[in-house]
């Protein structure tokens, strides 16, 4: 089975948007607070930074570790999206388009906010 560049770009955009949704968006904050602890770190100059530490052990800790690493999370979301697209293409193409269009809208919004 071969894929087009268009499908590759669509899946990439949808993975980008889903990764951002899970790791940074307000709507998934309650999920993140169940998996992560916040730790406030103050350096020698008095600058504050927040560090996120996975809670629990086993699978809960593993999932929590995904939520602090967008590189790691995107690999697993990519695997799910591609696997879903291979097994259930009629369903996953809708999901892929939905999140790819949302990602495209976010990118346009960021460009507009930055340059206008």
PDB file of N, CA and C in Angstrom:
ATOM      1  N   UNK A   1       0.844  -1.174   0.000  1.00  0.00           N
ATOM      2  CA  UNK A   1       0.000   0.000   0.000  1.00  0.00           C
ATOM      3  C   UNK A   1       0.892   1.240   0.000  1.00  0.00           C
ATOM      4  N   UNK A   2       0.661   2.137  -0.925  1.00  0.00           N
ATOM      5  CA  UNK A   2       1.464   3.349  -0.991  1.00  0.00           C
ATOM      6  C   UNK A   2       0.619   4.554  -0.577  1.00  0.00           C
ATOM      7  N   UNK A   3       1.316   5.564  -0.078  1.00  0.00           N
ATOM      8  CA  UNK A   3       0.654   6.775   0.391  1.00  0.00           C
ATOM      9  C   UNK A   3       1.184   7.973  -0.378  1.00  0.00           C
ATOM     10  N   UNK A   4       0.350   8.978  -0.502  1.00  0.00           N
ATOM     11  CA  UNK A   4       0.747  10.194  -1.198  1.00  0.00           C
ATOM     12  C   UNK A   4       1.389  11.168  -0.207  1.00  0.00           C
ATOM     13  N   UNK A   5       2.071  12.167  -0.756  1.00  0.00           N
ATOM     14  CA  UNK A   5       2.645  13.228   0.085  1.00  0.00           C
ATOM     15  C   UNK A   5       1.532  13.984   0.801  1.00  0.00           C
ATOM     16  N   UNK A   6       0.401  14.124   0.149  1.00  0.00           N
ATOM     17  CA  UNK A   6      -0.731  14.806   0.762  1.00  0.00           C
ATOM     18  C   UNK A   6      -1.189  14.081   2.027  1.00  0.00           C
ATOM     19  N   UNK A   7      -1.306  12.754   1.948  1.00  0.00           N
ATOM     20  CA  UNK A   7      -1.693  11.970   3.127  1.00  0.00           C
ATOM     21  C   UNK A   7      -0.640  12.082   4.229  1.00  0.00           C
ATOM     22  N   UNK A   8       0.620  12.063   3.845  1.00  0.00           N
ATOM     23  CA  UNK A   8       1.713  12.201   4.805  1.00  0.00           C
ATOM     24  C   UNK A   8       1.613  13.546   5.538  1.00  0.00           C
ATOM     25  N   UNK A   9       1.365  14.606   4.795  1.00  0.00           N
ATOM     26  CA  UNK A   9       1.252  15.935   5.401  1.00  0.00           C
ATOM     27  C   UNK A   9       0.016  16.011   6.298  1.00  0.00           C
ATOM     28  N   UNK A  10      -1.100  15.451   5.841  1.00  0.00           N
ATOM     29  CA  UNK A  10      -2.310  15.450   6.664  1.00  0.00           C
ATOM     30  C   UNK A  10      -2.099  14.710   7.980  1.00  0.00           C
ATOM     31  N   UNK A  11      -1.498  13.534   7.917  1.00  0.00           N
ATOM     32  CA  UNK A  11      -1.254  12.762   9.136  1.00  0.00           C
ATOM     33  C   UNK A  11      -0.276  13.513  10.036  1.00  0.00           C
ATOM     34  N   UNK A  12       0.757  14.118   9.452  1.00  0.00           N
ATOM     35  CA  UNK A  12       1.711  14.899  10.238  1.00  0.00           C
ATOM     36  C   UNK A  12       1.059  16.066  10.951  1.00  0.00           C
ATOM     37  N   UNK A  13       0.194  16.796  10.252  1.00  0.00           N
ATOM     38  CA  UNK A  13      -0.515  17.911  10.878  1.00  0.00           C
ATOM     39  C   UNK A  13      -1.441  17.423  11.986  1.00  0.00           C
ATOM     40  N   UNK A  14      -2.116  16.314  11.764  1.00  0.00           N
ATOM     41  CA  UNK A  14      -3.028  15.799  12.792  1.00  0.00           C
ATOM     42  C   UNK A  14      -2.259  15.317  14.024  1.00  0.00           C
ATOM     43  N   UNK A  15      -1.104  14.709  13.818  1.00  0.00           N
ATOM     44  CA  UNK A  15      -0.271  14.282  14.959  1.00  0.00           C
ATOM     45  C   UNK A  15       0.226  15.501  15.731  1.00  0.00           C
ATOM     46  N   UNK A  16       0.644  16.541  15.004  1.00  0.00           N
ATOM     47  CA  UNK A  16       1.066  17.785  15.648  1.00  0.00           C
ATOM     48  C   UNK A  16      -0.046  18.339  16.530  1.00  0.00           C
ATOM     49  N   UNK A  17      -1.265  18.418  15.991  1.00  0.00           N
ATOM     50  CA  UNK A  17      -2.376  19.012  16.739  1.00  0.00           C
ATOM     51  C   UNK A  17      -2.772  18.157  17.934  1.00  0.00           C
ATOM     52  N   UNK A  18      -2.834  16.843  17.760  1.00  0.00           N
ATOM     53  CA  UNK A  18      -3.188  15.962  18.877  1.00  0.00           C
ATOM     54  C   UNK A  18      -2.130  15.993  19.970  1.00  0.00           C
ATOM     55  N   UNK A  19      -0.857  16.022  19.585  1.00  0.00           N
ATOM     56  CA  UNK A  19       0.218  16.102  20.576  1.00  0.00           C
ATOM     57  C   UNK A  19       0.082  17.385  21.385  1.00  0.00           C
ATOM     58  N   UNK A  20      -0.142  18.491  20.710  1.00  0.00           N
ATOM     59  CA  UNK A  20      -0.311  19.764  21.406  1.00  0.00           C
ATOM     60  C   UNK A  20      -1.547  19.737  22.299  1.00  0.00           C
ATOM     61  N   UNK A  21      -2.615  19.140  21.820  1.00  0.00           N
ATOM     62  CA  UNK A  21      -3.847  19.035  22.596  1.00  0.00           C
ATOM     63  C   UNK A  21      -3.595  18.333  23.924  1.00  0.00           C
ATOM     64  N   UNK A  22      -2.939  17.202  23.888  1.00  0.00           N
ATOM     65  CA  UNK A  22      -2.692  16.440  25.106  1.00  0.00           C
ATOM     66  C   UNK A  22      -1.683  17.111  26.040  1.00  0.00           C
ATOM     67  N   UNK A  23      -0.652  17.725  25.495  1.00  0.00           N
ATOM     68  CA  UNK A  23       0.417  18.247  26.330  1.00  0.00           C
ATOM     69  C   UNK A  23       0.218  19.669  26.814  1.00  0.00           C
ATOM     70  N   UNK A  24      -0.502  20.508  26.069  1.00  0.00           N
ATOM     71  CA  UNK A  24      -0.520  21.926  26.407  1.00  0.00           C
ATOM     72  C   UNK A  24      -1.899  22.563  26.525  1.00  0.00           C
ATOM     73  N   UNK A  25      -2.913  22.049  25.888  1.00  0.00           N
ATOM     74  CA  UNK A  25      -4.204  22.731  25.865  1.00  0.00           C
ATOM     75  C   UNK A  25      -4.940  22.612  27.195  1.00  0.00           C
ATOM     76  N   UNK A  26      -5.715  23.637  27.507  1.00  0.00           N
ATOM     77  CA  UNK A  26      -6.446  23.716  28.767  1.00  0.00           C
ATOM     78  C   UNK A  26      -7.452  22.570  28.928  1.00  0.00           C
ATOM     79  N   UNK A  27      -8.047  22.134  27.836  1.00  0.00           N
ATOM     80  CA  UNK A  27      -9.093  21.118  27.906  1.00  0.00           C
ATOM     81  C   UNK A  27      -8.590  19.783  28.480  1.00  0.00           C
ATOM     82  N   UNK A  28      -7.306  19.497  28.354  1.00  0.00           N
ATOM     83  CA  UNK A  28      -6.754  18.248  28.891  1.00  0.00           C
ATOM     84  C   UNK A  28      -5.964  18.457  30.180  1.00  0.00           C
ATOM     85  N   UNK A  29      -6.110  19.641  30.788  1.00  0.00           N
ATOM     86  CA  UNK A  29      -5.386  19.941  32.025  1.00  0.00           C
ATOM     87  C   UNK A  29      -5.734  18.983  33.157  1.00  0.00           C
ATOM     88  N   UNK A  30      -7.012  18.616  33.288  1.00  0.00           N
ATOM     89  CA  UNK A  30      -7.409  17.710  34.366  1.00  0.00           C
ATOM     90  C   UNK A  30      -6.748  16.337  34.210  1.00  0.00           C
ATOM     91  N   UNK A  31      -6.567  15.896  32.984  1.00  0.00           N
ATOM     92  CA  UNK A  31      -5.867  14.632  32.735  1.00  0.00           C
ATOM     93  C   UNK A  31      -4.397  14.748  33.141  1.00  0.00           C
ATOM     94  N   UNK A  32      -3.768  15.858  32.759  1.00  0.00           N
ATOM     95  CA  UNK A  32      -2.355  16.059  33.102  1.00  0.00           C
ATOM     96  C   UNK A  32      -2.144  16.139  34.607  1.00  0.00           C
ATOM     97  N   UNK A  33      -3.070  16.787  35.340  1.00  0.00           N
ATOM     98  CA  UNK A  33      -2.893  16.910  36.791  1.00  0.00           C
ATOM     99  C   UNK A  33      -3.010  15.556  37.493  1.00  0.00           C
ATOM    100  N   UNK A  34      -3.698  14.606  36.898  1.00  0.00           N
ATOM    101  CA  UNK A  34      -3.763  13.252  37.467  1.00  0.00           C
ATOM    102  C   UNK A  34      -2.458  12.483  37.259  1.00  0.00           C
ATOM    103  N   UNK A  35      -1.701  12.883  36.253  1.00  0.00           N
ATOM    104  CA  UNK A  35      -0.488  12.145  35.897  1.00  0.00           C
ATOM    105  C   UNK A  35       0.807  12.843  36.289  1.00  0.00           C
ATOM    106  N   UNK A  36       0.751  14.165  36.539  1.00  0.00           N
ATOM    107  CA  UNK A  36       1.972  14.936  36.771  1.00  0.00           C
ATOM    108  C   UNK A  36       1.895  15.764  38.046  1.00  0.00           C
ATOM    109  N   UNK A  37       3.049  15.937  38.687  1.00  0.00           N
ATOM    110  CA  UNK A  37       3.203  16.868  39.799  1.00  0.00           C
ATOM    111  C   UNK A  37       3.981  18.077  39.294  1.00  0.00           C
ATOM    112  N   UNK A  38       3.597  19.263  39.757  1.00  0.00           N
ATOM    113  CA  UNK A  38       4.330  20.475  39.401  1.00  0.00           C
ATOM    114  C   UNK A  38       5.353  20.764  40.489  1.00  0.00           C
ATOM    115  N   UNK A  39       6.545  21.126  40.053  1.00  0.00           N
ATOM    116  CA  UNK A  39       7.601  21.481  40.994  1.00  0.00           C
ATOM    117  C   UNK A  39       8.171  22.829  40.567  1.00  0.00           C
ATOM    118  N   UNK A  40       8.116  23.802  41.490  1.00  0.00           N
ATOM    119  CA  UNK A  40       8.631  25.133  41.208  1.00  0.00           C
ATOM    120  C   UNK A  40      10.120  25.152  41.534  1.00  0.00           C
ATOM    121  N   UNK A  41      10.940  25.524  40.556  1.00  0.00           N
ATOM    122  CA  UNK A  41      12.390  25.573  40.742  1.00  0.00           C
ATOM    123  C   UNK A  41      12.835  27.028  40.594  1.00  0.00           C
ATOM    124  N   UNK A  42      13.591  27.510  41.578  1.00  0.00           N
ATOM    125  CA  UNK A  42      14.137  28.859  41.524  1.00  0.00           C
ATOM    126  C   UNK A  42      15.648  28.738  41.410  1.00  0.00           C
ATOM    127  N   UNK A  43      16.217  29.358  40.354  1.00  0.00           N
ATOM    128  CA  UNK A  43      17.669  29.282  40.183  1.00  0.00           C
ATOM    129  C   UNK A  43      18.375  30.345  41.027  1.00  0.00           C
ATOM    130  N   UNK A  44      19.689  30.402  40.932  1.00  0.00           N
ATOM    131  CA  UNK A  44      20.487  31.317  41.751  1.00  0.00           C
ATOM    132  C   UNK A  44      20.168  32.787  41.489  1.00  0.00           C
ATOM    133  N   UNK A  45      19.689  33.091  40.280  1.00  0.00           N
ATOM    134  CA  UNK A  45      19.355  34.472  39.921  1.00  0.00           C
ATOM    135  C   UNK A  45      17.933  34.856  40.319  1.00  0.00           C
ATOM    136  N   UNK A  46      17.191  33.929  40.900  1.00  0.00           N
ATOM    137  CA  UNK A  46      15.819  34.195  41.305  1.00  0.00           C
ATOM    138  C   UNK A  46      14.783  33.932  40.231  1.00  0.00           C
ATOM    139  N   UNK A  47      15.204  33.373  39.102  1.00  0.00           N
ATOM    140  CA  UNK A  47      14.262  33.041  38.030  1.00  0.00           C
ATOM    141  C   UNK A  47      13.498  31.774  38.377  1.00  0.00           C
ATOM    142  N   UNK A  48      12.177  31.829  38.197  1.00  0.00           N
ATOM    143  CA  UNK A  48      11.337  30.672  38.494  1.00  0.00           C
ATOM    144  C   UNK A  48      11.086  29.857  37.232  1.00  0.00           C
ATOM    145  N   UNK A  49      11.037  28.553  37.404  1.00  0.00           N
ATOM    146  CA  UNK A  49      10.713  27.649  36.312  1.00  0.00           C
ATOM    147  C   UNK A  49       9.909  26.503  36.898  1.00  0.00           C
ATOM    148  N   UNK A  50       8.966  26.004  36.114  1.00  0.00           N
ATOM    149  CA  UNK A  50       8.142  24.884  36.552  1.00  0.00           C
ATOM    150  C   UNK A  50       8.663  23.599  35.925  1.00  0.00           C
ATOM    151  N   UNK A  51       8.789  22.591  36.748  1.00  0.00           N
ATOM    152  CA  UNK A  51       9.213  21.278  36.297  1.00  0.00           C
ATOM    153  C   UNK A  51       8.053  20.317  36.555  1.00  0.00           C
ATOM    154  N   UNK A  52       7.799  19.439  35.628  1.00  0.00           N
ATOM    155  CA  UNK A  52       6.703  18.481  35.771  1.00  0.00           C
ATOM    156  C   UNK A  52       7.280  17.087  35.941  1.00  0.00           C
ATOM    157  N   UNK A  53       6.815  16.401  36.991  1.00  0.00           N
ATOM    158  CA  UNK A  53       7.335  15.083  37.338  1.00  0.00           C
ATOM    159  C   UNK A  53       6.186  14.084  37.281  1.00  0.00           C
ATOM    160  N   UNK A  54       6.379  12.956  36.592  1.00  0.00           N
ATOM    161  CA  UNK A  54       5.314  11.940  36.529  1.00  0.00           C
ATOM    162  C   UNK A  54       4.985  11.376  37.916  1.00  0.00           C
ATOM    163  N   UNK A  55       3.689  11.169  38.163  1.00  0.00           N
ATOM    164  CA  UNK A  55       3.222  10.573  39.409  1.00  0.00           C
ATOM    165  C   UNK A  55       3.163   9.057  39.268  1.00  0.00           C
ATOM    166  N   UNK A  56       3.151   8.375  40.396  1.00  0.00           N
ATOM    167  CA  UNK A  56       2.872   6.950  40.434  1.00  0.00           C
ATOM    168  C   UNK A  56       4.001   6.073  39.942  1.00  0.00           C
ATOM    169  N   UNK A  57       3.613   4.834  39.665  1.00  0.00           N
ATOM    170  CA  UNK A  57       4.563   3.831  39.189  1.00  0.00           C
ATOM    171  C   UNK A  57       3.928   3.037  38.062  1.00  0.00           C
ATOM    172  N   UNK A  58       4.739   2.250  37.401  1.00  0.00           N
ATOM    173  CA  UNK A  58       4.257   1.372  36.339  1.00  0.00           C
ATOM    174  C   UNK A  58       3.692   2.134  35.163  1.00  0.00           C
ATOM    175  N   UNK A  59       2.516   1.698  34.700  1.00  0.00           N
ATOM    176  CA  UNK A  59       1.909   2.277  33.503  1.00  0.00           C
ATOM    177  C   UNK A  59       1.537   3.739  33.719  1.00  0.00           C
ATOM    178  N   UNK A  60       1.102   4.099  34.937  1.00  0.00           N
ATOM    179  CA  UNK A  60       0.760   5.492  35.227  1.00  0.00           C
ATOM    180  C   UNK A  60       1.985   6.386  35.086  1.00  0.00           C
ATOM    181  N   UNK A  61       3.122   5.929  35.568  1.00  0.00           N
ATOM    182  CA  UNK A  61       4.358   6.708  35.440  1.00  0.00           C
ATOM    183  C   UNK A  61       4.786   6.784  33.974  1.00  0.00           C
ATOM    184  N   UNK A  62       4.665   5.675  33.251  1.00  0.00           N
ATOM    185  CA  UNK A  62       5.015   5.655  31.831  1.00  0.00           C
ATOM    186  C   UNK A  62       4.190   6.678  31.053  1.00  0.00           C
ATOM    187  N   UNK A  63       2.884   6.682  31.282  1.00  0.00           N
ATOM    188  CA  UNK A  63       2.015   7.640  30.595  1.00  0.00           C
ATOM    189  C   UNK A  63       2.353   9.058  31.032  1.00  0.00           C
ATOM    190  N   UNK A  64       2.631   9.254  32.323  1.00  0.00           N
ATOM    191  CA  UNK A  64       3.041  10.567  32.809  1.00  0.00           C
ATOM    192  C   UNK A  64       4.314  11.049  32.137  1.00  0.00           C
ATOM    193  N   UNK A  65       5.252  10.137  31.905  1.00  0.00           N
ATOM    194  CA  UNK A  65       6.494  10.504  31.214  1.00  0.00           C
ATOM    195  C   UNK A  65       6.219  10.937  29.777  1.00  0.00           C
ATOM    196  N   UNK A  66       5.223  10.353  29.144  1.00  0.00           N
ATOM    197  CA  UNK A  66       4.841  10.797  27.804  1.00  0.00           C
ATOM    198  C   UNK A  66       4.337  12.235  27.828  1.00  0.00           C
ATOM    199  N   UNK A  67       3.666  12.606  28.914  1.00  0.00           N
ATOM    200  CA  UNK A  67       3.081  13.935  29.016  1.00  0.00           C
ATOM    201  C   UNK A  67       4.096  15.030  29.327  1.00  0.00           C
ATOM    202  N   UNK A  68       5.340  14.675  29.556  1.00  0.00           N
ATOM    203  CA  UNK A  68       6.378  15.695  29.743  1.00  0.00           C
ATOM    204  C   UNK A  68       7.349  15.729  28.569  1.00  0.00           C
ATOM    205  N   UNK A  69       7.097  14.922  27.556  1.00  0.00           N
ATOM    206  CA  UNK A  69       8.013  14.851  26.407  1.00  0.00           C
ATOM    207  C   UNK A  69       7.191  14.862  25.119  1.00  0.00           C
ATOM    208  N   UNK A  70       7.183  16.029  24.430  1.00  0.00           N
ATOM    209  CA  UNK A  70       6.369  16.071  23.209  1.00  0.00           C
ATOM    210  C   UNK A  70       6.958  15.192  22.102  1.00  0.00           C
ATOM    211  N   UNK A  71       8.254  14.950  22.136  1.00  0.00           N
ATOM    212  CA  UNK A  71       8.858  14.043  21.150  1.00  0.00           C
ATOM    213  C   UNK A  71       8.322  12.622  21.358  1.00  0.00           C
ATOM    214  N   UNK A  72       8.292  12.193  22.616  1.00  0.00           N
ATOM    215  CA  UNK A  72       7.816  10.836  22.937  1.00  0.00           C
ATOM    216  C   UNK A  72       6.328  10.682  22.633  1.00  0.00           C
ATOM    217  N   UNK A  73       5.548  11.675  23.064  1.00  0.00           N
ATOM    218  CA  UNK A  73       4.104  11.610  22.846  1.00  0.00           C
ATOM    219  C   UNK A  73       3.779  11.564  21.356  1.00  0.00           C
ATOM    220  N   UNK A  74       4.501  12.348  20.552  1.00  0.00           N
ATOM    221  CA  UNK A  74       4.190  12.376  19.119  1.00  0.00           C
ATOM    222  C   UNK A  74       4.474  11.040  18.445  1.00  0.00           C
ATOM    223  N   UNK A  75       5.470  10.295  18.934  1.00  0.00           N
ATOM    224  CA  UNK A  75       5.742   8.962  18.371  1.00  0.00           C
ATOM    225  C   UNK A  75       4.559   8.034  18.615  1.00  0.00           C
ATOM    226  N   UNK A  76       4.025   8.040  19.836  1.00  0.00           N
ATOM    227  CA  UNK A  76       2.909   7.159  20.158  1.00  0.00           C
ATOM    228  C   UNK A  76       1.627   7.588  19.452  1.00  0.00           C
ATOM    229  N   UNK A  77       1.405   8.886  19.355  1.00  0.00           N
ATOM    230  CA  UNK A  77       0.225   9.355  18.624  1.00  0.00           C
ATOM    231  C   UNK A  77       0.363   9.016  17.143  1.00  0.00           C
ATOM    232  N   UNK A  78       1.566   9.152  16.595  1.00  0.00           N
ATOM    233  CA  UNK A  78       1.800   8.764  15.191  1.00  0.00           C
ATOM    234  C   UNK A  78       1.489   7.291  14.975  1.00  0.00           C
ATOM    235  N   UNK A  79       1.951   6.466  15.896  1.00  0.00           N
ATOM    236  CA  UNK A  79       1.694   5.023  15.780  1.00  0.00           C
ATOM    237  C   UNK A  79       0.193   4.737  15.812  1.00  0.00           C
ATOM    238  N   UNK A  80      -0.525   5.415  16.706  1.00  0.00           N
ATOM    239  CA  UNK A  80      -1.971   5.217  16.790  1.00  0.00           C
ATOM    240  C   UNK A  80      -2.709   5.698  15.559  1.00  0.00           C
ATOM    241  N   UNK A  81      -2.296   6.874  15.070  1.00  0.00           N
ATOM    242  CA  UNK A  81      -2.959   7.423  13.876  1.00  0.00           C
ATOM    243  C   UNK A  81      -2.692   6.567  12.636  1.00  0.00           C
ATOM    244  N   UNK A  82      -1.443   6.185  12.453  1.00  0.00           N
ATOM    245  CA  UNK A  82      -1.103   5.383  11.283  1.00  0.00           C
ATOM    246  C   UNK A  82      -1.719   3.989  11.373  1.00  0.00           C
ATOM    247  N   UNK A  83      -1.650   3.377  12.562  1.00  0.00           N
ATOM    248  CA  UNK A  83      -2.273   2.071  12.747  1.00  0.00           C
ATOM    249  C   UNK A  83      -3.776   2.122  12.528  1.00  0.00           C
ATOM    250  N   UNK A  84      -4.411   3.155  13.076  1.00  0.00           N
ATOM    251  CA  UNK A  84      -5.851   3.321  12.887  1.00  0.00           C
ATOM    252  C   UNK A  84      -6.209   3.536  11.424  1.00  0.00           C
ATOM    253  N   UNK A  85      -5.370   4.311  10.730  1.00  0.00           N
ATOM    254  CA  UNK A  85      -5.613   4.572   9.310  1.00  0.00           C
ATOM    255  C   UNK A  85      -5.451   3.298   8.477  1.00  0.00           C
ATOM    256  N   UNK A  86      -4.516   2.444   8.847  1.00  0.00           N
ATOM    257  CA  UNK A  86      -4.326   1.176   8.132  1.00  0.00           C
ATOM    258  C   UNK A  86      -5.483   0.213   8.383  1.00  0.00           C
ATOM    259  N   UNK A  87      -5.966   0.159   9.635  1.00  0.00           N
ATOM    260  CA  UNK A  87      -7.018  -0.796   9.994  1.00  0.00           C
ATOM    261  C   UNK A  87      -8.428  -0.305   9.676  1.00  0.00           C
ATOM    262  N   UNK A  88      -8.670   0.976   9.906  1.00  0.00           N
ATOM    263  CA  UNK A  88     -10.005   1.546   9.735  1.00  0.00           C
ATOM    264  C   UNK A  88      -9.915   2.861   8.946  1.00  0.00           C
ATOM    265  N   UNK A  89      -9.559   2.785   7.673  1.00  0.00           N
ATOM    266  CA  UNK A  89      -9.310   4.021   6.916  1.00  0.00           C
ATOM    267  C   UNK A  89     -10.519   4.953   6.815  1.00  0.00           C
ATOM    268  N   UNK A  90     -11.736   4.417   6.706  1.00  0.00           N
ATOM    269  CA  UNK A  90     -12.911   5.279   6.566  1.00  0.00           C
ATOM    270  C   UNK A  90     -13.172   6.096   7.828  1.00  0.00           C
ATOM    271  N   UNK A  91     -12.871   5.533   8.977  1.00  0.00           N
ATOM    272  CA  UNK A  91     -13.063   6.257  10.246  1.00  0.00           C
ATOM    273  C   UNK A  91     -11.908   7.217  10.489  1.00  0.00           C
ATOM    274  N   UNK A  92     -10.678   6.741  10.330  1.00  0.00           N
ATOM    275  CA  UNK A  92      -9.514   7.547  10.686  1.00  0.00           C
ATOM    276  C   UNK A  92      -9.248   8.682   9.709  1.00  0.00           C
ATOM    277  N   UNK A  93      -9.717   8.583   8.485  1.00  0.00           N
ATOM    278  CA  UNK A  93      -9.530   9.704   7.567  1.00  0.00           C
ATOM    279  C   UNK A  93     -10.308  10.916   8.059  1.00  0.00           C
ATOM    280  N   UNK A  94     -11.450  10.690   8.675  1.00  0.00           N
ATOM    281  CA  UNK A  94     -12.234  11.799   9.250  1.00  0.00           C
ATOM    282  C   UNK A  94     -11.469  12.421  10.418  1.00  0.00           C
ATOM    283  N   UNK A  95     -10.929  11.590  11.287  1.00  0.00           N
ATOM    284  CA  UNK A  95     -10.145  12.074  12.430  1.00  0.00           C
ATOM    285  C   UNK A  95      -8.909  12.821  11.946  1.00  0.00           C
ATOM    286  N   UNK A  96      -8.244  12.261  10.954  1.00  0.00           N
ATOM    287  CA  UNK A  96      -7.035  12.894  10.407  1.00  0.00           C
ATOM    288  C   UNK A  96      -7.364  14.253   9.812  1.00  0.00           C
ATOM    289  N   UNK A  97      -8.403  14.338   9.003  1.00  0.00           N
ATOM    290  CA  UNK A  97      -8.794  15.620   8.416  1.00  0.00           C
ATOM    291  C   UNK A  97      -9.177  16.624   9.503  1.00  0.00           C
ATOM    292  N   UNK A  98      -9.937  16.180  10.484  1.00  0.00           N
ATOM    293  CA  UNK A  98     -10.383  17.065  11.560  1.00  0.00           C
ATOM    294  C   UNK A  98      -9.193  17.735  12.248  1.00  0.00           C
ATOM    295  N   UNK A  99      -8.227  16.930  12.687  1.00  0.00           N
ATOM    296  CA  UNK A  99      -7.089  17.495  13.418  1.00  0.00           C
ATOM    297  C   UNK A  99      -6.088  18.184  12.498  1.00  0.00           C
ATOM    298  N   UNK A 100      -5.992  17.768  11.246  1.00  0.00           N
ATOM    299  CA  UNK A 100      -5.106  18.455  10.298  1.00  0.00           C
ATOM    300  C   UNK A 100      -5.637  19.849   9.984  1.00  0.00           C
ATOM    301  N   UNK A 101      -6.937  19.959   9.787  1.00  0.00           N
ATOM    302  CA  UNK A 101      -7.529  21.279   9.539  1.00  0.00           C
ATOM    303  C   UNK A 101      -7.373  22.164  10.765  1.00  0.00           C
ATOM    304  N   UNK A 102      -7.563  21.598  11.960  1.00  0.00           N
ATOM    305  CA  UNK A 102      -7.372  22.369  13.191  1.00  0.00           C
ATOM    306  C   UNK A 102      -5.922  22.837  13.314  1.00  0.00           C
ATOM    307  N   UNK A 103      -4.970  21.974  12.975  1.00  0.00           N
ATOM    308  CA  UNK A 103      -3.554  22.355  13.025  1.00  0.00           C
ATOM    309  C   UNK A 103      -3.265  23.467  12.038  1.00  0.00           C
ATOM    310  N   UNK A 104      -3.806  23.362  10.854  1.00  0.00           N
ATOM    311  CA  UNK A 104      -3.609  24.391   9.833  1.00  0.00           C
ATOM    312  C   UNK A 104      -4.167  25.731  10.317  1.00  0.00           C
ATOM    313  N   UNK A 105      -5.338  25.695  10.949  1.00  0.00           N
ATOM    314  CA  UNK A 105      -5.938  26.917  11.490  1.00  0.00           C
ATOM    315  C   UNK A 105      -5.065  27.523  12.587  1.00  0.00           C
ATOM    316  N   UNK A 106      -4.495  26.685  13.432  1.00  0.00           N
ATOM    317  CA  UNK A 106      -3.609  27.172  14.492  1.00  0.00           C
ATOM    318  C   UNK A 106      -2.372  27.832  13.895  1.00  0.00           C
ATOM    319  N   UNK A 107      -1.800  27.220  12.890  1.00  0.00           N
ATOM    320  CA  UNK A 107      -0.607  27.778  12.242  1.00  0.00           C
ATOM    321  C   UNK A 107      -0.934  29.132  11.610  1.00  0.00           C
ATOM    322  N   UNK A 108      -2.059  29.234  10.928  1.00  0.00           N
ATOM    323  CA  UNK A 108      -2.466  30.510  10.337  1.00  0.00           C
ATOM    324  C   UNK A 108      -2.675  31.559  11.429  1.00  0.00           C
ATOM    325  N   UNK A 109      -3.341  31.177  12.512  1.00  0.00           N
ATOM    326  CA  UNK A 109      -3.583  32.111  13.611  1.00  0.00           C
ATOM    327  C   UNK A 109      -2.274  32.623  14.208  1.00  0.00           C
ATOM    328  N   UNK A 110      -1.309  31.746  14.396  1.00  0.00           N
ATOM    329  CA  UNK A 110      -0.008  32.157  14.936  1.00  0.00           C
ATOM    330  C   UNK A 110       0.715  33.118  13.981  1.00  0.00           C
ATOM    331  N   UNK A 111       0.618  32.861  12.695  1.00  0.00           N
ATOM    332  CA  UNK A 111       1.220  33.778  11.712  1.00  0.00           C
ATOM    333  C   UNK A 111       0.538  35.136  11.750  1.00  0.00           C
ATOM    334  N   UNK A 112      -0.778  35.144  11.798  1.00  0.00           N
ATOM    335  CA  UNK A 112      -1.529  36.409  11.854  1.00  0.00           C
ATOM    336  C   UNK A 112      -1.185  37.178  13.124  1.00  0.00           C
ATOM    337  N   UNK A 113      -1.142  36.491  14.266  1.00  0.00           N
ATOM    338  CA  UNK A 113      -0.831  37.170  15.522  1.00  0.00           C
ATOM    339  C   UNK A 113       0.584  37.729  15.535  1.00  0.00           C
ATOM    340  N   UNK A 114       1.505  37.034  14.914  1.00  0.00           N
ATOM    341  CA  UNK A 114       2.902  37.452  14.927  1.00  0.00           C
ATOM    342  C   UNK A 114       3.173  38.615  13.977  1.00  0.00           C
ATOM    343  N   UNK A 115       2.543  38.608  12.817  1.00  0.00           N
ATOM    344  CA  UNK A 115       2.916  39.576  11.781  1.00  0.00           C
ATOM    345  C   UNK A 115       1.879  40.672  11.516  1.00  0.00           C
ATOM    346  N   UNK A 116       0.716  40.607  12.110  1.00  0.00           N
ATOM    347  CA  UNK A 116      -0.281  41.663  11.881  1.00  0.00           C
ATOM    348  C   UNK A 116      -0.606  42.410  13.148  1.00  0.00           C
TER     349      UNK A 116
END
